[in-house]
C-alpha atoms as a PDB file:
ATOM      1  CA  MET A   1      -6.213   7.909  20.081  1.00  0.00           C
ATOM      2  CA  LYS A   2      -3.609   6.415  17.689  1.00  0.00           C
ATOM      3  CA  ILE A   3      -4.783   5.087  14.314  1.00  0.00           C
ATOM      4  CA  HIS A   4      -2.447   3.082  12.032  1.00  0.00           C
ATOM      5  CA  GLY A   5      -2.951   1.582   8.679  1.00  0.00           C
ATOM      6  CA  LEU A   6      -1.319  -1.388   7.386  1.00  0.00           C
ATOM      7  CA  ILE A   7      -1.620  -2.021   3.398  1.00  0.00           C
ATOM      8  CA  ILE A   8      -0.380  -5.286   2.319  1.00  0.00           C
ATOM      9  CA  ASP A   9       1.207  -5.195  -1.400  1.00  0.00           C
ATOM     10  CA  PRO A  10      -1.433  -2.827  -3.397  1.00  0.00           C
ATOM     11  CA  GLN A  11       0.520  -3.196  -6.346  1.00  0.00           C
ATOM     12  CA  ILE A  12      -0.169  -3.385  -9.959  1.00  0.00           C
ATOM     13  CA  SER A  13       0.771  -6.902 -10.358  1.00  0.00           C
ATOM     14  CA  PHE A  14      -2.174  -7.679  -8.311  1.00  0.00           C
ATOM     15  CA  SER A  15      -4.882  -5.192  -8.531  1.00  0.00           C
ATOM     16  CA  TRP A  16      -4.283  -3.451 -12.008  1.00  0.00           C
ATOM     17  CA  PRO A  17      -7.204  -4.603 -14.538  1.00  0.00           C
ATOM     18  CA  GLY A  18      -5.712  -3.048 -17.639  1.00  0.00           C
ATOM     19  CA  LEU A  19      -6.620  -0.151 -20.048  1.00  0.00           C
ATOM     20  CA  GLN A  20      -8.320  -2.526 -22.389  1.00  0.00           C
ATOM     21  CA  GLU A  21     -10.886  -3.753 -19.661  1.00  0.00           C
ATOM     22  CA  LEU A  22     -11.317  -0.292 -18.078  1.00  0.00           C
ATOM     23  CA  THR A  23     -12.084   1.134 -21.640  1.00  0.00           C
ATOM     24  CA  GLY A  24     -13.295  -1.310 -23.625  1.00  0.00           C
ATOM     25  CA  LYS A  25     -10.886  -0.090 -26.514  1.00  0.00           C
ATOM     26  CA  ASN A  26      -8.631  -2.046 -28.643  1.00  0.00           C
ATOM     27  CA  PRO A  27      -4.751  -1.685 -27.919  1.00  0.00           C
ATOM     28  CA  ASP A  28      -4.410   0.900 -30.929  1.00  0.00           C
ATOM     29  CA  GLU A  29      -7.024   2.960 -30.066  1.00  0.00           C
ATOM     30  CA  ILE A  30      -5.321   3.737 -26.373  1.00  0.00           C
ATOM     31  CA  LEU A  31      -1.981   3.522 -27.465  1.00  0.00           C
ATOM     32  CA  PRO A  32      -0.177   4.660 -30.589  1.00  0.00           C
ATOM     33  CA  PRO A  33       1.735   1.381 -31.934  1.00  0.00           C
ATOM     34  CA  GLU A  34       4.776   3.769 -32.928  1.00  0.00           C
ATOM     35  CA  VAL A  35       5.189   4.365 -28.773  1.00  0.00           C
ATOM     36  CA  ARG A  36       5.105   0.504 -28.544  1.00  0.00           C
ATOM     37  CA  PRO A  37       9.263   0.082 -28.911  1.00  0.00           C
ATOM     38  CA  HIS A  38       9.903   2.672 -26.412  1.00  0.00           C
ATOM     39  CA  MET A  39       7.772   1.377 -23.394  1.00  0.00           C
ATOM     40  CA  GLY A  40       9.166  -2.320 -23.143  1.00  0.00           C
ATOM     41  CA  ASP A  41       7.277  -3.481 -20.120  1.00  0.00           C
ATOM     42  CA  MET A  42       5.223  -0.525 -19.485  1.00  0.00           C
ATOM     43  CA  TYR A  43       3.174  -1.443 -22.780  1.00  0.00           C
ATOM     44  CA  ASP A  44       1.669  -4.560 -21.923  1.00  0.00           C
ATOM     45  CA  ARG A  45       1.187  -3.524 -17.971  1.00  0.00           C
ATOM     46  CA  LEU A  46      -0.606  -0.682 -19.061  1.00  0.00           C
ATOM     47  CA  LEU A  47      -2.835  -2.334 -21.561  1.00  0.00           C
ATOM     48  CA  ASN A  48      -3.228  -5.791 -19.549  1.00  0.00           C
ATOM     49  CA  ARG A  49      -4.289  -7.354 -16.253  1.00  0.00           C
ATOM     50  CA  GLY A  50      -1.108  -7.415 -13.495  1.00  0.00           C
ATOM     51  CA  GLU A  51       0.513 -10.781 -13.993  1.00  0.00           C
ATOM     52  CA  LEU A  52      -0.967 -11.909 -10.806  1.00  0.00           C
ATOM     53  CA  TYR A  53      -4.377 -10.585 -11.068  1.00  0.00           C
ATOM     54  CA  VAL A  54      -6.584 -10.803  -7.955  1.00  0.00           C
ATOM     55  CA  ASP A  55     -10.301 -10.669  -9.183  1.00  0.00           C
ATOM     56  CA  GLY A  56     -11.817  -7.694  -7.139  1.00  0.00           C
ATOM     57  CA  ALA A  57      -8.521  -6.141  -6.381  1.00  0.00           C
ATOM     58  CA  HIS A  58      -8.934  -3.136  -8.798  1.00  0.00           C
ATOM     59  CA  GLU A  59     -12.514  -2.166  -6.934  1.00  0.00           C
ATOM     60  CA  ASP A  60     -10.735  -2.958  -3.377  1.00  0.00           C
ATOM     61  CA  MET A  61      -8.176  -0.530  -4.399  1.00  0.00           C
ATOM     62  CA  LEU A  62     -10.691   2.262  -5.204  1.00  0.00           C
ATOM     63  CA  ARG A  63     -12.795   1.542  -2.158  1.00  0.00           C
ATOM     64  CA  LEU A  64      -9.248   1.616  -0.135  1.00  0.00           C
ATOM     65  CA  ALA A  65      -7.963   4.918  -1.503  1.00  0.00           C
ATOM     66  CA  ALA A  66     -11.489   6.660  -0.732  1.00  0.00           C
ATOM     67  CA  MET A  67     -11.279   5.620   2.914  1.00  0.00           C
ATOM     68  CA  LEU A  68      -7.561   6.906   3.051  1.00  0.00           C
ATOM     69  CA  ASP A  69      -8.959  10.200   1.549  1.00  0.00           C
ATOM     70  CA  ARG A  70     -11.800  10.272   4.228  1.00  0.00           C
ATOM     71  CA  LEU A  71      -9.355   9.193   7.186  1.00  0.00           C
ATOM     72  CA  ARG A  72      -6.845  11.684   6.019  1.00  0.00           C
ATOM     73  CA  ASP A  73      -6.731  13.979   9.144  1.00  0.00           C
ATOM     74  CA  ARG A  74      -7.002  11.042  11.441  1.00  0.00           C
ATOM     75  CA  LEU A  75      -4.199   8.446  10.616  1.00  0.00           C
ATOM     76  CA  ASP A  76      -1.061   8.796  12.841  1.00  0.00           C
ATOM     77  CA  ASP A  77       0.958   6.121  10.593  1.00  0.00           C
ATOM     78  CA  VAL A  78       0.558   4.105   7.413  1.00  0.00           C
ATOM     79  CA  HIS A  79       2.409   0.921   6.726  1.00  0.00           C
ATOM     80  CA  VAL A  80       2.859  -0.426   3.332  1.00  0.00           C
ATOM     81  CA  THR A  81       4.154  -3.603   2.302  1.00  0.00           C
ATOM     82  CA  LEU A  82       5.575  -3.933  -1.460  1.00  0.00           C
ATOM     83  CA  ASP A  83       6.190  -7.483  -2.590  1.00  0.00           C
ATOM     84  CA  SER A  84       9.824  -7.540  -4.223  1.00  0.00           C
ATOM     85  CA  HIS A  85      10.728 -10.060  -6.346  1.00  0.00           C
ATOM     86  CA  ARG A  86      13.442 -11.016  -8.790  1.00  0.00           C
ATOM     87  CA  PHE A  87      12.770 -13.127 -12.180  1.00  0.00           C
ATOM     88  CA  VAL A  88      14.923 -15.859 -10.962  1.00  0.00           C
ATOM     89  CA  ASP A  89      12.994 -17.056  -8.047  1.00  0.00           C
ATOM     90  CA  GLN A  90      12.009 -20.386  -6.483  1.00  0.00           C
ATOM     91  CA  ALA A  91       8.423 -19.587  -6.878  1.00  0.00           C
ATOM     92  CA  HIS A  92       8.685 -18.840 -10.357  1.00  0.00           C
ATOM     93  CA  PRO A  93       8.416 -21.194 -13.103  1.00  0.00           C
ATOM     94  CA  SER A  94      12.397 -20.685 -14.481  1.00  0.00           C
ATOM     95  CA  TRP A  95      13.439 -22.213 -11.287  1.00  0.00           C
ATOM     96  CA  TRP A  96      12.023 -25.686 -12.156  1.00  0.00           C
ATOM     97  CA  ARG A  97      12.021 -28.083 -14.872  1.00  0.00           C
ATOM     98  CA  ARG A  98       9.992 -31.582 -15.291  1.00  0.00           C
ATOM     99  CA  THR A  99      12.000 -34.522 -15.443  1.00  0.00           C
ATOM    100  CA  SER A 100      10.831 -36.114 -18.200  1.00  0.00           C
ATOM    101  CA  ASP A 101      10.961 -33.373 -20.839  1.00  0.00           C
ATOM    102  CA  GLY A 102      12.734 -30.506 -19.263  1.00  0.00           C
ATOM    103  CA  SER A 103       9.736 -28.206 -19.657  1.00  0.00           C
ATOM    104  CA  PRO A 104       9.154 -25.677 -16.718  1.00  0.00           C
ATOM    105  CA  PRO A 105       5.986 -26.114 -14.384  1.00  0.00           C
ATOM    106  CA  PRO A 106       2.833 -24.275 -15.613  1.00  0.00           C
ATOM    107  CA  HIS A 107       1.592 -21.244 -13.632  1.00  0.00           C
ATOM    108  CA  TYR A 108       0.053 -22.408  -9.933  1.00  0.00           C
ATOM    109  CA  THR A 109       1.348 -25.668 -10.188  1.00  0.00           C
ATOM    110  CA  ILE A 110       1.618 -26.947  -6.786  1.00  0.00           C
ATOM    111  CA  LEU A 111       5.038 -28.617  -5.582  1.00  0.00           C
ATOM    112  CA  GLY A 112       5.612 -30.885  -2.588  1.00  0.00           C
ATOM    113  CA  ILE A 113       7.690 -34.088  -1.504  1.00  0.00           C
ATOM    114  CA  ASN A 114       6.045 -37.429  -1.995  1.00  0.00           C
ATOM    115  CA  ASN A 115       8.572 -40.735  -1.470  1.00  0.00           C
ATOM    116  CA  ASP A 116      11.485 -38.243  -1.447  1.00  0.00           C
ATOM    117  CA  ARG A 117      11.044 -36.502  -4.779  1.00  0.00           C
ATOM    118  CA  VAL A 118       9.691 -33.503  -5.686  1.00  0.00           C
ATOM    119  CA  VAL A 119       6.498 -34.012  -7.836  1.00  0.00           C
ATOM    120  CA  ARG A 120       3.220 -32.023  -8.731  1.00  0.00           C
ATOM    121  CA  MET A 121       0.236 -32.275  -6.117  1.00  0.00           C
ATOM    122  CA  ASP A 122      -3.143 -31.957  -7.498  1.00  0.00           C
ATOM    123  CA  PRO A 123      -5.657 -30.056  -5.038  1.00  0.00           C
ATOM    124  CA  GLN A 124      -8.907 -31.733  -4.147  1.00  0.00           C
ATOM    125  CA  SER A 125     -12.184 -30.560  -3.459  1.00  0.00           C
ATOM    126  CA  ASP A 126     -11.679 -30.671   0.573  1.00  0.00           C
ATOM    127  CA  GLY A 127      -8.272 -28.783   0.188  1.00  0.00           C
ATOM    128  CA  SER A 128      -6.236 -31.759   0.802  1.00  0.00           C
ATOM    129  CA  LEU A 129      -3.269 -32.328  -1.937  1.00  0.00           C
ATOM    130  CA  VAL A 130      -2.598 -35.637  -3.990  1.00  0.00           C
ATOM    131  CA  PRO A 131       0.999 -36.432  -5.164  1.00  0.00           C
ATOM    132  CA  THR A 132       0.901 -37.126  -8.997  1.00  0.00           C
ATOM    133  CA  GLY A 133       3.653 -39.061 -10.781  1.00  0.00           C
ATOM    134  CA  ASP A 134       4.615 -35.704 -12.474  1.00  0.00           C
ATOM    135  CA  GLU A 135       8.395 -34.874 -10.926  1.00  0.00           C
ATOM    136  CA  PHE A 136      10.417 -31.884 -11.072  1.00  0.00           C
ATOM    137  CA  THR A 137      13.923 -31.103 -10.400  1.00  0.00           C
ATOM    138  CA  THR A 138      15.581 -27.563 -10.433  1.00  0.00           C
ATOM    139  CA  ARG A 139      17.037 -25.905 -13.401  1.00  0.00           C
ATOM    140  CA  ILE A 140      20.606 -25.558 -11.887  1.00  0.00           C
ATOM    141  CA  PRO A 141      20.974 -29.388 -10.283  1.00  0.00           C
ATOM    142  CA  SER A 142      23.273 -28.406  -7.494  1.00  0.00           C
ATOM    143  CA  PHE A 143      20.389 -26.207  -6.045  1.00  0.00           C
ATOM    144  CA  MET A 144      18.044 -29.059  -5.622  1.00  0.00           C
ATOM    145  CA  TYR A 145      20.023 -30.009  -2.608  1.00  0.00           C
ATOM    146  CA  LYS A 146      22.285 -27.315  -1.387  1.00  0.00           C
ATOM    147  CA  GLY A 147      21.947 -23.678  -0.506  1.00  0.00           C
ATOM    148  CA  GLY A 148      19.283 -21.908   0.481  1.00  0.00           C
ATOM    149  CA  PRO A 149      17.617 -20.990   3.906  1.00  0.00           C
ATOM    150  CA  THR A 150      17.846 -24.680   5.569  1.00  0.00           C
ATOM    151  CA  LYS A 151      21.431 -25.133   3.272  1.00  0.00           C
ATOM    152  CA  LYS A 152      19.622 -28.270   1.953  1.00  0.00           C
ATOM    153  CA  GLY A 153      18.864 -26.675  -1.236  1.00  0.00           C
ATOM    154  CA  SER A 154      15.083 -26.539  -2.846  1.00  0.00           C
ATOM    155  CA  LYS A 155      13.891 -30.161  -1.536  1.00  0.00           C
ATOM    156  CA  GLY A 156      14.968 -29.158   2.177  1.00  0.00           C
ATOM    157  CA  TYR A 157      13.176 -25.908   1.578  1.00  0.00           C
ATOM    158  CA  LEU A 158       9.700 -27.941   0.475  1.00  0.00           C
ATOM    159  CA  GLU A 159      10.345 -30.020   3.325  1.00  0.00           C
ATOM    160  CA  ALA A 160      10.558 -27.041   5.803  1.00  0.00           C
ATOM    161  CA  LEU A 161       7.097 -25.701   4.361  1.00  0.00           C
ATOM    162  CA  GLU A 162       5.511 -28.950   4.796  1.00  0.00           C
ATOM    163  CA  LYS A 163       6.702 -29.008   8.140  1.00  0.00           C
ATOM    164  CA  ASN A 164       5.433 -25.616   8.896  1.00  0.00           C
ATOM    165  CA  GLY A 165       1.993 -26.600   7.754  1.00  0.00           C
ATOM    166  CA  ARG A 166       0.907 -23.292   6.339  1.00  0.00           C
ATOM    167  CA  TYR A 167       1.286 -23.430   2.652  1.00  0.00           C
ATOM    168  CA  PRO A 168       2.466 -25.552   0.142  1.00  0.00           C
ATOM    169  CA  HIS A 169       4.691 -24.445  -2.383  1.00  0.00           C
ATOM    170  CA  VAL A 170       3.170 -22.439  -5.619  1.00  0.00           C
ATOM    171  CA  VAL A 171       4.778 -21.654  -8.740  1.00  0.00           C
ATOM    172  CA  TRP A 172       3.289 -18.149  -9.281  1.00  0.00           C
ATOM    173  CA  PRO A 173       3.545 -16.008 -12.620  1.00  0.00           C
ATOM    174  CA  VAL A 174       6.351 -13.728 -12.360  1.00  0.00           C
ATOM    175  CA  HIS A 175       4.980 -10.642 -10.555  1.00  0.00           C
ATOM    176  CA  CYS A 176       6.110  -7.705  -8.677  1.00  0.00           C
ATOM    177  CA  MET A 177       9.426  -7.779 -10.279  1.00  0.00           C
ATOM    178  CA  ILE A 178      11.723  -4.960  -8.892  1.00  0.00           C
ATOM    179  CA  GLY A 179      12.146  -2.138 -11.302  1.00  0.00           C
ATOM    180  CA  THR A 180       9.039  -2.939 -13.320  1.00  0.00           C
ATOM    181  CA  MET A 181       5.606  -1.530 -13.542  1.00  0.00           C
ATOM    182  CA  GLY A 182       4.165  -4.536 -11.690  1.00  0.00           C
ATOM    183  CA  HIS A 183       6.282  -3.550  -8.581  1.00  0.00           C
ATOM    184  CA  LEU A 184       4.301   0.095  -8.467  1.00  0.00           C
ATOM    185  CA  VAL A 185       1.483   1.109  -6.085  1.00  0.00           C
ATOM    186  CA  HIS A 186      -2.026   0.901  -7.726  1.00  0.00           C
ATOM    187  CA  PRO A 187      -2.267   4.634  -8.615  1.00  0.00           C
ATOM    188  CA  ALA A 188      -5.789   5.350  -6.919  1.00  0.00           C
ATOM    189  CA  VAL A 189      -4.120   4.039  -3.806  1.00  0.00           C
ATOM    190  CA  MET A 190      -0.582   5.794  -4.362  1.00  0.00           C
ATOM    191  CA  ALA A 191      -2.505   9.332  -5.039  1.00  0.00           C
ATOM    192  CA  ALA A 192      -4.311   8.981  -1.873  1.00  0.00           C
ATOM    193  CA  LEU A 193      -1.022   8.240  -0.003  1.00  0.00           C
ATOM    194  CA  LEU A 194       0.352  11.415  -1.391  1.00  0.00           C
ATOM    195  CA  ARG A 195      -2.211  13.410  -0.540  1.00  0.00           C
ATOM    196  CA  TRP A 196      -1.867  12.241   3.244  1.00  0.00           C
ATOM    197  CA  GLU A 197       2.017  12.696   2.983  1.00  0.00           C
ATOM    198  CA  GLU A 198       0.920  16.272   2.112  1.00  0.00           C
ATOM    199  CA  GLN A 199       0.376  16.714   5.654  1.00  0.00           C
ATOM    200  CA  PHE A 200       4.022  16.653   6.389  1.00  0.00           C
ATOM    201  CA  CYS A 201       3.563  12.740   6.844  1.00  0.00           C
ATOM    202  CA  SER A 202       5.814   9.675   5.689  1.00  0.00           C
ATOM    203  CA  VAL A 203       4.521   6.252   4.396  1.00  0.00           C
ATOM    204  CA  ASP A 204       6.699   3.492   5.984  1.00  0.00           C
ATOM    205  CA  TYR A 205       7.179   1.489   3.218  1.00  0.00           C
ATOM    206  CA  VAL A 206       8.271  -2.113   4.060  1.00  0.00           C
ATOM    207  CA  THR A 207       9.742  -4.337   0.868  1.00  0.00           C
ATOM    208  CA  LYS A 208       9.814  -8.164   1.169  1.00  0.00           C
ATOM    209  CA  GLY A 209      10.269 -11.257  -1.126  1.00  0.00           C
ATOM    210  CA  SER A 210      13.889 -10.571  -2.600  1.00  0.00           C
ATOM    211  CA  ASN A 211      15.580 -13.494  -1.368  1.00  0.00           C
ATOM    212  CA  PRO A 212      14.934 -15.738  -4.420  1.00  0.00           C
ATOM    213  CA  GLN A 213      14.994 -19.021  -2.356  1.00  0.00           C
ATOM    214  CA  THR A 214      12.214 -18.530   0.493  1.00  0.00           C
ATOM    215  CA  GLU A 215       8.788 -17.270  -0.054  1.00  0.00           C
ATOM    216  CA  HIS A 216       7.732 -13.931   1.552  1.00  0.00           C
ATOM    217  CA  TYR A 217       3.802 -13.965   1.764  1.00  0.00           C
ATOM    218  CA  SER A 218       4.016 -12.286   5.344  1.00  0.00           C
ATOM    219  CA  GLY A 219       5.012  -8.574   5.437  1.00  0.00           C
ATOM    220  CA  VAL A 220       7.241  -9.515   8.671  1.00  0.00           C
ATOM    221  CA  GLN A 221       8.979 -12.576   7.741  1.00  0.00           C
ATOM    222  CA  ALA A 222       9.857 -15.001   5.266  1.00  0.00           C
ATOM    223  CA  GLU A 223       7.804 -18.507   5.046  1.00  0.00           C
ATOM    224  CA  VAL A 224      11.041 -20.337   6.060  1.00  0.00           C
ATOM    225  CA  VAL A 225      13.641 -17.818   7.541  1.00  0.00           C
ATOM    226  CA  ASP A 226      17.116 -17.877   6.427  1.00  0.00           C
ATOM    227  CA  PRO A 227      19.399 -17.078   9.499  1.00  0.00           C
ATOM    228  CA  SER A 228      22.006 -15.647   7.025  1.00  0.00           C
ATOM    229  CA  ASP A 229      19.510 -13.072   5.617  1.00  0.00           C
ATOM    230  CA  PRO A 230      18.274 -10.591   7.988  1.00  0.00           C
ATOM    231  CA  SER A 231      15.771  -9.305   5.508  1.00  0.00           C
ATOM    232  CA  THR A 232      13.832 -12.749   5.906  1.00  0.00           C
ATOM    233  CA  GLN A 233      13.745 -12.539   9.759  1.00  0.00           C
ATOM    234  CA  ILE A 234      11.128 -11.500  12.030  1.00  0.00           C
ATOM    235  CA  ASN A 235      10.285  -7.445  11.575  1.00  0.00           C
ATOM    236  CA  MET A 236       9.868  -6.758  15.306  1.00  0.00           C
ATOM    237  CA  GLU A 237      10.356  -3.008  14.873  1.00  0.00           C
ATOM    238  CA  LEU A 238       7.122  -3.134  12.804  1.00  0.00           C
ATOM    239  CA  ILE A 239       5.140  -5.102  15.302  1.00  0.00           C
ATOM    240  CA  ARG A 240       6.330  -2.856  18.341  1.00  0.00           C
ATOM    241  CA  THR A 241       5.350  -0.097  16.310  1.00  0.00           C
ATOM    242  CA  LEU A 242       1.959  -1.406  16.010  1.00  0.00           C
ATOM    243  CA  GLU A 243       1.626  -2.089  19.434  1.00  0.00           C
ATOM    244  CA  GLU A 244       1.882   1.208  20.298  1.00  0.00           C
ATOM    245  CA  ALA A 245      -1.697   1.855  18.307  1.00  0.00           C
ATOM    246  CA  ASP A 246      -4.805   1.932  19.783  1.00  0.00           C
ATOM    247  CA  ILE A 247      -6.376   1.011  16.366  1.00  0.00           C
ATOM    248  CA  VAL A 248      -5.098  -0.771  13.130  1.00  0.00           C
ATOM    249  CA  PHE A 249      -6.817  -1.287   9.890  1.00  0.00           C
ATOM    250  CA  LEU A 250      -5.607  -4.092   7.701  1.00  0.00           C
ATOM    251  CA  ALA A 251      -6.257  -3.984   3.518  1.00  0.00           C
ATOM    252  CA  GLY A 252      -4.549  -5.194   0.949  1.00  0.00           C
ATOM    253  CA  GLU A 253      -4.025  -8.254  -1.393  1.00  0.00           C
ATOM    254  CA  ALA A 254      -4.325 -10.971  -1.113  1.00  0.00           C
ATOM    255  CA  ARG A 255      -6.515 -11.917   1.655  1.00  0.00           C
ATOM    256  CA  SER A 256      -5.839 -15.734   1.050  1.00  0.00           C
ATOM    257  CA  HIS A 257      -1.879 -15.189   1.294  1.00  0.00           C
ATOM    258  CA  CYS A 258      -0.086 -12.123   2.087  1.00  0.00           C
ATOM    259  CA  LEU A 259      -2.581 -10.274   4.171  1.00  0.00           C
ATOM    260  CA  ALA A 260      -3.599 -13.649   5.990  1.00  0.00           C
ATOM    261  CA  ASN A 261      -0.100 -14.475   6.757  1.00  0.00           C
ATOM    262  CA  THR A 262       1.035 -10.937   8.028  1.00  0.00           C
ATOM    263  CA  ALA A 263      -1.595 -10.796  10.526  1.00  0.00           C
ATOM    264  CA  ARG A 264      -0.937 -14.103  11.689  1.00  0.00           C
ATOM    265  CA  ASP A 265       2.735 -13.195  12.197  1.00  0.00           C
ATOM    266  CA  ILE A 266       1.923  -9.974  13.824  1.00  0.00           C
ATOM    267  CA  VAL A 267      -0.503 -11.644  16.435  1.00  0.00           C
ATOM    268  CA  ALA A 268       1.589 -14.213  16.990  1.00  0.00           C
ATOM    269  CA  LYS A 269       4.546 -11.812  18.194  1.00  0.00           C
ATOM    270  CA  PHE A 270       2.296  -9.485  19.788  1.00  0.00           C
ATOM    271  CA  SER A 271       3.734  -8.775  23.728  1.00  0.00           C
ATOM    272  CA  ASP A 272       0.198  -8.891  24.664  1.00  0.00           C
ATOM    273  CA  PRO A 273      -2.272 -11.692  23.315  1.00  0.00           C
ATOM    274  CA  SER A 274      -5.169  -9.269  23.540  1.00  0.00           C
ATOM    275  CA  TYR A 275      -3.716  -6.659  20.848  1.00  0.00           C
ATOM    276  CA  VAL A 276      -5.232  -8.562  18.538  1.00  0.00           C
ATOM    277  CA  LYS A 277      -8.449  -6.500  19.386  1.00  0.00           C
ATOM    278  CA  LYS A 278      -6.569  -3.543  17.807  1.00  0.00           C
ATOM    279  CA  LEU A 279      -7.084  -5.145  14.049  1.00  0.00           C
ATOM    280  CA  TYR A 280      -9.730  -4.104  11.783  1.00  0.00           C
ATOM    281  CA  LEU A 281     -10.175  -6.331   8.674  1.00  0.00           C
ATOM    282  CA  ILE A 282     -11.373  -3.945   6.143  1.00  0.00           C
ATOM    283  CA  GLU A 283     -13.451  -6.647   4.488  1.00  0.00           C
ATOM    284  CA  ASP A 284     -14.274  -4.898   0.923  1.00  0.00           C
ATOM    285  CA  CYS A 285     -10.519  -3.823   0.384  1.00  0.00           C
ATOM    286  CA  THR A 286      -9.079  -7.432   0.120  1.00  0.00           C
ATOM    287  CA  SER A 287      -9.803 -10.208  -2.017  1.00  0.00           C
ATOM    288  CA  ASP A 288      -8.684 -13.732  -2.258  1.00  0.00           C
ATOM    289  CA  VAL A 289      -6.414 -15.313  -5.106  1.00  0.00           C
ATOM    290  CA  PRO A 290      -8.836 -17.133  -7.424  1.00  0.00           C
ATOM    291  CA  GLY A 291      -8.731 -20.964  -6.217  1.00  0.00           C
ATOM    292  CA  PHE A 292      -7.698 -20.225  -2.579  1.00  0.00           C
ATOM    293  CA  GLU A 293     -10.696 -18.745  -1.347  1.00  0.00           C
ATOM    294  CA  HIS A 294     -10.942 -21.161   1.365  1.00  0.00           C
ATOM    295  CA  LEU A 295      -7.761 -20.010   2.755  1.00  0.00           C
ATOM    296  CA  GLY A 296      -9.215 -16.576   3.185  1.00  0.00           C
ATOM    297  CA  GLU A 297     -12.305 -17.702   5.042  1.00  0.00           C
ATOM    298  CA  LYS A 298     -10.401 -19.824   7.392  1.00  0.00           C
ATOM    299  CA  PHE A 299      -8.114 -16.744   8.138  1.00  0.00           C
ATOM    300  CA  VAL A 300     -11.027 -14.580   8.848  1.00  0.00           C
ATOM    301  CA  GLN A 301     -12.737 -17.448  10.799  1.00  0.00           C
ATOM    302  CA  ASP A 302      -9.486 -18.100  12.986  1.00  0.00           C
ATOM    303  CA  MET A 303      -8.774 -14.165  13.610  1.00  0.00           C
ATOM    304  CA  VAL A 304     -12.274 -13.410  14.460  1.00  0.00           C
ATOM    305  CA  GLY A 305     -12.152 -16.203  16.780  1.00  0.00           C
ATOM    306  CA  LEU A 306      -9.161 -14.339  18.573  1.00  0.00           C
ATOM    307  CA  GLY A 307     -10.796 -11.196  18.507  1.00  0.00           C
ATOM    308  CA  MET A 308      -9.959  -9.229  15.423  1.00  0.00           C
ATOM    309  CA  ASN A 309     -12.552  -7.032  14.313  1.00  0.00           C
ATOM    310  CA  VAL A 310     -13.975  -7.042  10.734  1.00  0.00           C
ATOM    311  CA  SER A 311     -15.236  -3.748   9.384  1.00  0.00           C
ATOM    312  CA  ASN A 312     -15.953  -1.988   5.813  1.00  0.00           C
ATOM    313  CA  SER A 313     -14.413   0.924   3.858  1.00  0.00           C
ATOM    314  CA  LEU A 314     -17.772   2.893   4.470  1.00  0.00           C
ATOM    315  CA  ASP A 315     -18.333   1.819   8.265  1.00  0.00           C
ATOM    316  CA  PHE A 316     -15.132   1.981   9.389  1.00  0.00           C
ATOM    317  CA  LEU A 317     -14.606   5.017  12.088  1.00  0.00           C
ATOM    318  CA  ALA A 318     -17.455   6.542  10.557  1.00  0.00           C
END
């Protein structure tokens, strides 16, 4: 029996609570002030929560690491996706400017199209979005109408997102930036992966998200595929590899976005729809982005309806 693990974005930006929270100490007790100038981004990341911290993710990662150790001798392959962004990105505040005063949008602003304009959309309790009069444009004016995956700029991209009907465009805090600590795998999970590799195995790391003009929640394709960029296109090699497994466990962050989209895309491209029964969601090794819990719940409801299994880190293959 072939057992594979698919771990989605187990990175510090999403899952690290910070040493202040873990120890209850103030910064000077943890790291001497004289080292701060030498540490740059590392100082903030060690002490504080990840830039896009998902509540519960640290505990998810500890449970995941323990499960990896328990199943070390039984795992045939482990695939780990890595969110990999640049500072300048359409999903970051620096891309956008409010037309009224030139300010960037606050974190977690939802943008959409209304009356042919890009405006802030306010979420309602029923999950619907209501357009506001708060209008935005791109920092570089030409980016609004030119370039990107649709060749019609950011406006064309938002229109494509709306047509796809999966997610609206969210302006996130800068996170998982390539080369920074936020991009690293959570230390407990990394240690468990290395212990598995000591058996002469190799983790299959899959990067995603480096194209700044399309969101890439899914581990196998971007939200809006860019025909000129293979990194945004469907990763059939990974999907075919998963098809060869008998069991595939799913874990990582966040259930509401990257894990959900990865699983949906994989199932949609399986050569046999019954392969969904190979998938096991490890429910205590994944959490939702705060405020988007309804998306995570809908994902589980939909996928269980198709045949996906749900387990936890203690019971899975126990």
